[in-house]
């Protein structure tokens, strides 16, 4: 599913969007890793298990958002490569 909006942007705008999307995906991976680790630690070490089970379920479902920025990165890179090949 190609994003038609990418064709209307300049190469500089695409490179900027690529770097921002990479930073967001790195931050998302770090945050989800910490959230999952916190949930597992709570399950193992704390007494209030139902709370940590719920947090772990939220952490696991939050991982499903991870492919979105990587798909966007792939689309931006392919658009930049297409522009590079045209020149």
PDB file of N, CA and C in Angstrom:
ATOM      1  N   UNK A   1       0.843  -1.166   0.000  1.00  0.00           N
ATOM      2  CA  UNK A   1       0.000   0.000   0.000  1.00  0.00           C
ATOM      3  C   UNK A   1       0.893   1.235   0.000  1.00  0.00           C
ATOM      4  N   UNK A   2       1.082   1.797  -1.174  1.00  0.00           N
ATOM      5  CA  UNK A   2       1.927   2.978  -1.308  1.00  0.00           C
ATOM      6  C   UNK A   2       1.194   4.210  -0.799  1.00  0.00           C
ATOM      7  N   UNK A   3       1.925   5.052  -0.129  1.00  0.00           N
ATOM      8  CA  UNK A   3       1.380   6.293   0.368  1.00  0.00           C
ATOM      9  C   UNK A   3       1.524   7.345  -0.725  1.00  0.00           C
ATOM     10  N   UNK A   4       0.416   7.810  -1.278  1.00  0.00           N
ATOM     11  CA  UNK A   4       0.445   8.798  -2.352  1.00  0.00           C
ATOM     12  C   UNK A   4       0.964  10.145  -1.854  1.00  0.00           C
ATOM     13  N   UNK A   5       0.868  10.360  -0.570  1.00  0.00           N
ATOM     14  CA  UNK A   5       1.317  11.615   0.012  1.00  0.00           C
ATOM     15  C   UNK A   5       2.840  11.768  -0.064  1.00  0.00           C
ATOM     16  N   UNK A   6       3.560  10.660  -0.176  1.00  0.00           N
ATOM     17  CA  UNK A   6       5.017  10.723  -0.234  1.00  0.00           C
ATOM     18  C   UNK A   6       5.500  11.319  -1.551  1.00  0.00           C
ATOM     19  N   UNK A   7       4.753  11.130  -2.612  1.00  0.00           N
ATOM     20  CA  UNK A   7       5.157  11.645  -3.918  1.00  0.00           C
ATOM     21  C   UNK A   7       5.096  13.165  -3.968  1.00  0.00           C
ATOM     22  N   UNK A   8       4.291  13.766  -3.112  1.00  0.00           N
ATOM     23  CA  UNK A   8       4.140  15.222  -3.100  1.00  0.00           C
ATOM     24  C   UNK A   8       5.187  15.913  -2.232  1.00  0.00           C
ATOM     25  N   UNK A   9       5.989  15.171  -1.519  1.00  0.00           N
ATOM     26  CA  UNK A   9       6.991  15.754  -0.628  1.00  0.00           C
ATOM     27  C   UNK A   9       8.344  15.826  -1.331  1.00  0.00           C
ATOM     28  N   UNK A  10       9.142  16.792  -0.890  1.00  0.00           N
ATOM     29  CA  UNK A  10      10.486  16.914  -1.439  1.00  0.00           C
ATOM     30  C   UNK A  10      11.387  15.858  -0.818  1.00  0.00           C
ATOM     31  N   UNK A  11      12.550  15.679  -1.416  1.00  0.00           N
ATOM     32  CA  UNK A  11      13.503  14.698  -0.905  1.00  0.00           C
ATOM     33  C   UNK A  11      13.948  15.067   0.508  1.00  0.00           C
ATOM     34  N   UNK A  12      14.161  16.332   0.766  1.00  0.00           N
ATOM     35  CA  UNK A  12      14.544  16.785   2.105  1.00  0.00           C
ATOM     36  C   UNK A  12      13.469  16.504   3.134  1.00  0.00           C
ATOM     37  N   UNK A  13      12.213  16.709   2.742  1.00  0.00           N
ATOM     38  CA  UNK A  13      11.112  16.421   3.656  1.00  0.00           C
ATOM     39  C   UNK A  13      11.023  14.925   3.947  1.00  0.00           C
ATOM     40  N   UNK A  14      11.262  14.118   2.915  1.00  0.00           N
ATOM     41  CA  UNK A  14      11.229  12.666   3.116  1.00  0.00           C
ATOM     42  C   UNK A  14      12.349  12.196   4.027  1.00  0.00           C
ATOM     43  N   UNK A  15      13.546  12.754   3.848  1.00  0.00           N
ATOM     44  CA  UNK A  15      14.661  12.381   4.713  1.00  0.00           C
ATOM     45  C   UNK A  15      14.397  12.798   6.151  1.00  0.00           C
ATOM     46  N   UNK A  16      13.793  13.960   6.334  1.00  0.00           N
ATOM     47  CA  UNK A  16      13.445  14.421   7.677  1.00  0.00           C
ATOM     48  C   UNK A  16      12.388  13.501   8.294  1.00  0.00           C
ATOM     49  N   UNK A  17      11.378  13.152   7.508  1.00  0.00           N
ATOM     50  CA  UNK A  17      10.331  12.245   7.997  1.00  0.00           C
ATOM     51  C   UNK A  17      10.917  10.880   8.326  1.00  0.00           C
ATOM     52  N   UNK A  18      11.888  10.431   7.535  1.00  0.00           N
ATOM     53  CA  UNK A  18      12.538   9.148   7.793  1.00  0.00           C
ATOM     54  C   UNK A  18      13.271   9.166   9.123  1.00  0.00           C
ATOM     55  N   UNK A  19      14.016  10.224   9.390  1.00  0.00           N
ATOM     56  CA  UNK A  19      14.765  10.283  10.654  1.00  0.00           C
ATOM     57  C   UNK A  19      13.825  10.390  11.854  1.00  0.00           C
ATOM     58  N   UNK A  20      12.736  11.134  11.712  1.00  0.00           N
ATOM     59  CA  UNK A  20      11.775  11.247  12.811  1.00  0.00           C
ATOM     60  C   UNK A  20      11.080   9.910  13.057  1.00  0.00           C
ATOM     61  N   UNK A  21      10.722   9.222  11.984  1.00  0.00           N
ATOM     62  CA  UNK A  21      10.056   7.930  12.122  1.00  0.00           C
ATOM     63  C   UNK A  21      10.989   6.896  12.749  1.00  0.00           C
ATOM     64  N   UNK A  22      12.270   6.940  12.387  1.00  0.00           N
ATOM     65  CA  UNK A  22      13.238   6.036  13.015  1.00  0.00           C
ATOM     66  C   UNK A  22      13.356   6.320  14.508  1.00  0.00           C
ATOM     67  N   UNK A  23      13.399   7.601  14.879  1.00  0.00           N
ATOM     68  CA  UNK A  23      13.505   7.963  16.293  1.00  0.00           C
ATOM     69  C   UNK A  23      12.268   7.520  17.065  1.00  0.00           C
ATOM     70  N   UNK A  24      11.116   7.678  16.469  1.00  0.00           N
ATOM     71  CA  UNK A  24       9.869   7.257  17.119  1.00  0.00           C
ATOM     72  C   UNK A  24       9.852   5.745  17.303  1.00  0.00           C
ATOM     73  N   UNK A  25      10.295   5.010  16.284  1.00  0.00           N
ATOM     74  CA  UNK A  25      10.279   3.544  16.404  1.00  0.00           C
ATOM     75  C   UNK A  25      11.275   3.060  17.451  1.00  0.00           C
ATOM     76  N   UNK A  26      12.424   3.702  17.549  1.00  0.00           N
ATOM     77  CA  UNK A  26      13.398   3.340  18.585  1.00  0.00           C
ATOM     78  C   UNK A  26      12.827   3.627  19.972  1.00  0.00           C
ATOM     79  N   UNK A  27      12.201   4.800  20.126  1.00  0.00           N
ATOM     80  CA  UNK A  27      11.597   5.147  21.414  1.00  0.00           C
ATOM     81  C   UNK A  27      10.474   4.183  21.768  1.00  0.00           C
ATOM     82  N   UNK A  28       9.697   3.768  20.768  1.00  0.00           N
ATOM     83  CA  UNK A  28       8.616   2.822  21.009  1.00  0.00           C
ATOM     84  C   UNK A  28       9.143   1.464  21.453  1.00  0.00           C
ATOM     85  N   UNK A  29      10.205   0.998  20.825  1.00  0.00           N
ATOM     86  CA  UNK A  29      10.794  -0.286  21.215  1.00  0.00           C
ATOM     87  C   UNK A  29      11.325  -0.218  22.648  1.00  0.00           C
ATOM     88  N   UNK A  30      12.003   0.867  22.975  1.00  0.00           N
ATOM     89  CA  UNK A  30      12.550   1.022  24.328  1.00  0.00           C
ATOM     90  C   UNK A  30      11.429   1.088  25.362  1.00  0.00           C
ATOM     91  N   UNK A  31      10.393   1.881  25.080  1.00  0.00           N
ATOM     92  CA  UNK A  31       9.287   2.023  26.026  1.00  0.00           C
ATOM     93  C   UNK A  31       8.547   0.706  26.219  1.00  0.00           C
ATOM     94  N   UNK A  32       8.294  -0.007  25.132  1.00  0.00           N
ATOM     95  CA  UNK A  32       7.585  -1.281  25.249  1.00  0.00           C
ATOM     96  C   UNK A  32       8.425  -2.333  25.963  1.00  0.00           C
ATOM     97  N   UNK A  33       9.723  -2.312  25.742  1.00  0.00           N
ATOM     98  CA  UNK A  33      10.600  -3.245  26.440  1.00  0.00           C
ATOM     99  C   UNK A  33      10.584  -2.980  27.942  1.00  0.00           C
ATOM    100  N   UNK A  34      10.686  -1.714  28.319  1.00  0.00           N
ATOM    101  CA  UNK A  34      10.648  -1.358  29.740  1.00  0.00           C
ATOM    102  C   UNK A  34       9.293  -1.703  30.363  1.00  0.00           C
ATOM    103  N   UNK A  35       8.223  -1.425  29.641  1.00  0.00           N
ATOM    104  CA  UNK A  35       6.883  -1.714  30.143  1.00  0.00           C
ATOM    105  C   UNK A  35       6.682  -3.218  30.335  1.00  0.00           C
ATOM    106  N   UNK A  36       7.149  -3.995  29.381  1.00  0.00           N
ATOM    107  CA  UNK A  36       7.029  -5.447  29.488  1.00  0.00           C
ATOM    108  C   UNK A  36       7.884  -5.982  30.635  1.00  0.00           C
ATOM    109  N   UNK A  37       9.108  -5.473  30.745  1.00  0.00           N
ATOM    110  CA  UNK A  37       9.989  -5.908  31.825  1.00  0.00           C
ATOM    111  C   UNK A  37       9.409  -5.541  33.192  1.00  0.00           C
ATOM    112  N   UNK A  38       8.836  -4.341  33.298  1.00  0.00           N
ATOM    113  CA  UNK A  38       8.207  -3.918  34.546  1.00  0.00           C
ATOM    114  C   UNK A  38       7.043  -4.836  34.900  1.00  0.00           C
ATOM    115  N   UNK A  39       6.262  -5.198  33.898  1.00  0.00           N
ATOM    116  CA  UNK A  39       5.118  -6.078  34.137  1.00  0.00           C
ATOM    117  C   UNK A  39       5.566  -7.465  34.590  1.00  0.00           C
ATOM    118  N   UNK A  40       6.594  -7.994  33.953  1.00  0.00           N
ATOM    119  CA  UNK A  40       7.102  -9.312  34.339  1.00  0.00           C
ATOM    120  C   UNK A  40       7.705  -9.265  35.735  1.00  0.00           C
ATOM    121  N   UNK A  41       8.439  -8.201  36.041  1.00  0.00           N
ATOM    122  CA  UNK A  41       8.993  -8.049  37.383  1.00  0.00           C
ATOM    123  C   UNK A  41       7.874  -7.999  38.422  1.00  0.00           C
ATOM    124  N   UNK A  42       6.810  -7.271  38.124  1.00  0.00           N
ATOM    125  CA  UNK A  42       5.680  -7.183  39.047  1.00  0.00           C
ATOM    126  C   UNK A  42       5.009  -8.521  39.256  1.00  0.00           C
ATOM    127  N   UNK A  43       4.921  -9.311  38.196  1.00  0.00           N
ATOM    128  CA  UNK A  43       4.322 -10.640  38.325  1.00  0.00           C
ATOM    129  C   UNK A  43       5.162 -11.547  39.211  1.00  0.00           C
ATOM    130  N   UNK A  44       6.471 -11.417  39.104  1.00  0.00           N
ATOM    131  CA  UNK A  44       7.366 -12.305  39.848  1.00  0.00           C
ATOM    132  C   UNK A  44       7.547 -11.841  41.294  1.00  0.00           C
ATOM    133  N   UNK A  45       7.752 -10.541  41.497  1.00  0.00           N
ATOM    134  CA  UNK A  45       8.210 -10.067  42.795  1.00  0.00           C
ATOM    135  C   UNK A  45       7.134  -9.436  43.679  1.00  0.00           C
ATOM    136  N   UNK A  46       6.016  -9.062  43.134  1.00  0.00           N
ATOM    137  CA  UNK A  46       5.025  -8.328  43.931  1.00  0.00           C
ATOM    138  C   UNK A  46       3.842  -9.222  44.292  1.00  0.00           C
ATOM    139  N   UNK A  47       3.043  -8.727  45.244  1.00  0.00           N
ATOM    140  CA  UNK A  47       1.899  -9.498  45.722  1.00  0.00           C
ATOM    141  C   UNK A  47       0.613  -9.216  44.945  1.00  0.00           C
ATOM    142  N   UNK A  48       0.490  -8.033  44.374  1.00  0.00           N
ATOM    143  CA  UNK A  48      -0.731  -7.638  43.683  1.00  0.00           C
ATOM    144  C   UNK A  48      -0.708  -8.170  42.243  1.00  0.00           C
ATOM    145  N   UNK A  49      -0.864  -9.470  42.082  1.00  0.00           N
ATOM    146  CA  UNK A  49      -0.699 -10.139  40.791  1.00  0.00           C
ATOM    147  C   UNK A  49      -1.751  -9.718  39.755  1.00  0.00           C
ATOM    148  N   UNK A  50      -3.048  -9.570  40.107  1.00  0.00           N
ATOM    149  CA  UNK A  50      -4.015  -9.201  39.059  1.00  0.00           C
ATOM    150  C   UNK A  50      -3.690  -7.884  38.349  1.00  0.00           C
ATOM    151  N   UNK A  51      -3.150  -6.933  39.081  1.00  0.00           N
ATOM    152  CA  UNK A  51      -2.761  -5.667  38.467  1.00  0.00           C
ATOM    153  C   UNK A  51      -1.660  -5.884  37.445  1.00  0.00           C
ATOM    154  N   UNK A  52      -0.685  -6.677  37.778  1.00  0.00           N
ATOM    155  CA  UNK A  52       0.431  -6.907  36.868  1.00  0.00           C
ATOM    156  C   UNK A  52       0.048  -7.818  35.702  1.00  0.00           C
ATOM    157  N   UNK A  53      -0.949  -8.673  35.908  1.00  0.00           N
ATOM    158  CA  UNK A  53      -1.455  -9.468  34.784  1.00  0.00           C
ATOM    159  C   UNK A  53      -2.107  -8.543  33.761  1.00  0.00           C
ATOM    160  N   UNK A  54      -2.879  -7.594  34.247  1.00  0.00           N
ATOM    161  CA  UNK A  54      -3.514  -6.619  33.349  1.00  0.00           C
ATOM    162  C   UNK A  54      -2.464  -5.771  32.641  1.00  0.00           C
ATOM    163  N   UNK A  55      -1.448  -5.324  33.369  1.00  0.00           N
ATOM    164  CA  UNK A  55      -0.384  -4.537  32.751  1.00  0.00           C
ATOM    165  C   UNK A  55       0.382  -5.348  31.713  1.00  0.00           C
ATOM    166  N   UNK A  56       0.599  -6.616  31.997  1.00  0.00           N
ATOM    167  CA  UNK A  56       1.290  -7.482  31.047  1.00  0.00           C
ATOM    168  C   UNK A  56       0.450  -7.684  29.790  1.00  0.00           C
ATOM    169  N   UNK A  57      -0.851  -7.821  29.944  1.00  0.00           N
ATOM    170  CA  UNK A  57      -1.737  -7.960  28.787  1.00  0.00           C
ATOM    171  C   UNK A  57      -1.698  -6.696  27.928  1.00  0.00           C
ATOM    172  N   UNK A  58      -1.685  -5.539  28.571  1.00  0.00           N
ATOM    173  CA  UNK A  58      -1.592  -4.271  27.826  1.00  0.00           C
ATOM    174  C   UNK A  58      -0.245  -4.174  27.122  1.00  0.00           C
ATOM    175  N   UNK A  59       0.814  -4.587  27.806  1.00  0.00           N
ATOM    176  CA  UNK A  59       2.145  -4.553  27.195  1.00  0.00           C
ATOM    177  C   UNK A  59       2.210  -5.465  25.976  1.00  0.00           C
ATOM    178  N   UNK A  60       1.653  -6.639  26.092  1.00  0.00           N
ATOM    179  CA  UNK A  60       1.683  -7.586  24.968  1.00  0.00           C
ATOM    180  C   UNK A  60       0.892  -7.071  23.778  1.00  0.00           C
ATOM    181  N   UNK A  61      -0.262  -6.478  24.022  1.00  0.00           N
ATOM    182  CA  UNK A  61      -1.047  -5.965  22.904  1.00  0.00           C
ATOM    183  C   UNK A  61      -0.438  -4.695  22.316  1.00  0.00           C
ATOM    184  N   UNK A  62       0.310  -3.972  23.122  1.00  0.00           N
ATOM    185  CA  UNK A  62       0.953  -2.755  22.610  1.00  0.00           C
ATOM    186  C   UNK A  62       2.053  -3.072  21.606  1.00  0.00           C
ATOM    187  N   UNK A  63       2.619  -4.268  21.689  1.00  0.00           N
ATOM    188  CA  UNK A  63       3.642  -4.659  20.723  1.00  0.00           C
ATOM    189  C   UNK A  63       3.076  -4.736  19.306  1.00  0.00           C
ATOM    190  N   UNK A  64       1.758  -4.836  19.177  1.00  0.00           N
ATOM    191  CA  UNK A  64       1.158  -4.922  17.843  1.00  0.00           C
ATOM    192  C   UNK A  64       1.269  -3.605  17.078  1.00  0.00           C
ATOM    193  N   UNK A  65       1.544  -2.507  17.769  1.00  0.00           N
ATOM    194  CA  UNK A  65       1.722  -1.220  17.095  1.00  0.00           C
ATOM    195  C   UNK A  65       3.103  -1.065  16.481  1.00  0.00           C
ATOM    196  N   UNK A  66       4.004  -1.936  16.814  1.00  0.00           N
ATOM    197  CA  UNK A  66       5.389  -1.806  16.368  1.00  0.00           C
ATOM    198  C   UNK A  66       5.589  -1.891  14.856  1.00  0.00           C
ATOM    199  N   UNK A  67       4.874  -2.713  14.121  1.00  0.00           N
ATOM    200  CA  UNK A  67       5.107  -2.762  12.676  1.00  0.00           C
ATOM    201  C   UNK A  67       4.753  -1.464  11.929  1.00  0.00           C
ATOM    202  N   UNK A  68       3.889  -0.645  12.487  1.00  0.00           N
ATOM    203  CA  UNK A  68       3.454   0.560  11.784  1.00  0.00           C
ATOM    204  C   UNK A  68       4.597   1.505  11.415  1.00  0.00           C
ATOM    205  N   UNK A  69       5.473   1.890  12.356  1.00  0.00           N
ATOM    206  CA  UNK A  69       6.564   2.779  11.933  1.00  0.00           C
ATOM    207  C   UNK A  69       7.552   2.094  10.998  1.00  0.00           C
ATOM    208  N   UNK A  70       7.723   0.777  11.133  1.00  0.00           N
ATOM    209  CA  UNK A  70       8.652   0.084  10.245  1.00  0.00           C
ATOM    210  C   UNK A  70       8.103   0.001   8.821  1.00  0.00           C
ATOM    211  N   UNK A  71       6.792  -0.113   8.685  1.00  0.00           N
ATOM    212  CA  UNK A  71       6.177  -0.072   7.353  1.00  0.00           C
ATOM    213  C   UNK A  71       6.361   1.312   6.742  1.00  0.00           C
ATOM    214  N   UNK A  72       6.188   2.355   7.555  1.00  0.00           N
ATOM    215  CA  UNK A  72       6.375   3.718   7.064  1.00  0.00           C
ATOM    216  C   UNK A  72       7.827   3.951   6.648  1.00  0.00           C
ATOM    217  N   UNK A  73       8.770   3.429   7.423  1.00  0.00           N
ATOM    218  CA  UNK A  73      10.193   3.564   7.083  1.00  0.00           C
ATOM    219  C   UNK A  73      10.480   2.878   5.752  1.00  0.00           C
ATOM    220  N   UNK A  74       9.925   1.710   5.571  1.00  0.00           N
ATOM    221  CA  UNK A  74      10.138   0.964   4.322  1.00  0.00           C
ATOM    222  C   UNK A  74       9.578   1.736   3.128  1.00  0.00           C
ATOM    223  N   UNK A  75       8.394   2.325   3.278  1.00  0.00           N
ATOM    224  CA  UNK A  75       7.789   3.092   2.193  1.00  0.00           C
ATOM    225  C   UNK A  75       8.613   4.330   1.857  1.00  0.00           C
ATOM    226  N   UNK A  76       9.098   5.021   2.878  1.00  0.00           N
ATOM    227  CA  UNK A  76       9.894   6.224   2.646  1.00  0.00           C
ATOM    228  C   UNK A  76      11.203   5.870   1.959  1.00  0.00           C
ATOM    229  N   UNK A  77      11.847   4.789   2.423  1.00  0.00           N
ATOM    230  CA  UNK A  77      13.106   4.363   1.800  1.00  0.00           C
ATOM    231  C   UNK A  77      12.898   3.963   0.350  1.00  0.00           C
ATOM    232  N   UNK A  78      11.793   3.279   0.053  1.00  0.00           N
ATOM    233  CA  UNK A  78      11.555   2.881  -1.335  1.00  0.00           C
ATOM    234  C   UNK A  78      11.276   4.094  -2.214  1.00  0.00           C
ATOM    235  N   UNK A  79      10.591   5.094  -1.673  1.00  0.00           N
ATOM    236  CA  UNK A  79      10.346   6.326  -2.439  1.00  0.00           C
ATOM    237  C   UNK A  79      11.652   7.076  -2.688  1.00  0.00           C
ATOM    238  N   UNK A  80      12.513   7.146  -1.681  1.00  0.00           N
ATOM    239  CA  UNK A  80      13.811   7.811  -1.852  1.00  0.00           C
ATOM    240  C   UNK A  80      14.673   7.051  -2.855  1.00  0.00           C
ATOM    241  N   UNK A  81      14.646   5.736  -2.809  1.00  0.00           N
ATOM    242  CA  UNK A  81      15.425   4.936  -3.745  1.00  0.00           C
ATOM    243  C   UNK A  81      14.894   5.090  -5.164  1.00  0.00           C
ATOM    244  N   UNK A  82      13.572   5.170  -5.303  1.00  0.00           N
ATOM    245  CA  UNK A  82      12.974   5.385  -6.610  1.00  0.00           C
ATOM    246  C   UNK A  82      13.389   6.735  -7.195  1.00  0.00           C
ATOM    247  N   UNK A  83      13.425   7.742  -6.368  1.00  0.00           N
ATOM    248  CA  UNK A  83      13.852   9.079  -6.817  1.00  0.00           C
ATOM    249  C   UNK A  83      15.341   9.068  -7.181  1.00  0.00           C
ATOM    250  N   UNK A  84      16.133   8.302  -6.446  1.00  0.00           N
ATOM    251  CA  UNK A  84      17.565   8.223  -6.712  1.00  0.00           C
ATOM    252  C   UNK A  84      17.814   7.530  -8.043  1.00  0.00           C
ATOM    253  N   UNK A  85      17.022   6.499  -8.357  1.00  0.00           N
ATOM    254  CA  UNK A  85      17.177   5.770  -9.605  1.00  0.00           C
ATOM    255  C   UNK A  85      16.729   6.582 -10.804  1.00  0.00           C
ATOM    256  N   UNK A  86      15.796   7.506 -10.597  1.00  0.00           N
ATOM    257  CA  UNK A  86      15.306   8.327 -11.708  1.00  0.00           C
ATOM    258  C   UNK A  86      16.391   9.303 -12.159  1.00  0.00           C
ATOM    259  N   UNK A  87      17.153   9.809 -11.226  1.00  0.00           N
ATOM    260  CA  UNK A  87      18.195  10.791 -11.567  1.00  0.00           C
ATOM    261  C   UNK A  87      19.291  10.124 -12.258  1.00  0.00           C
TER     262      UNK A  87
END
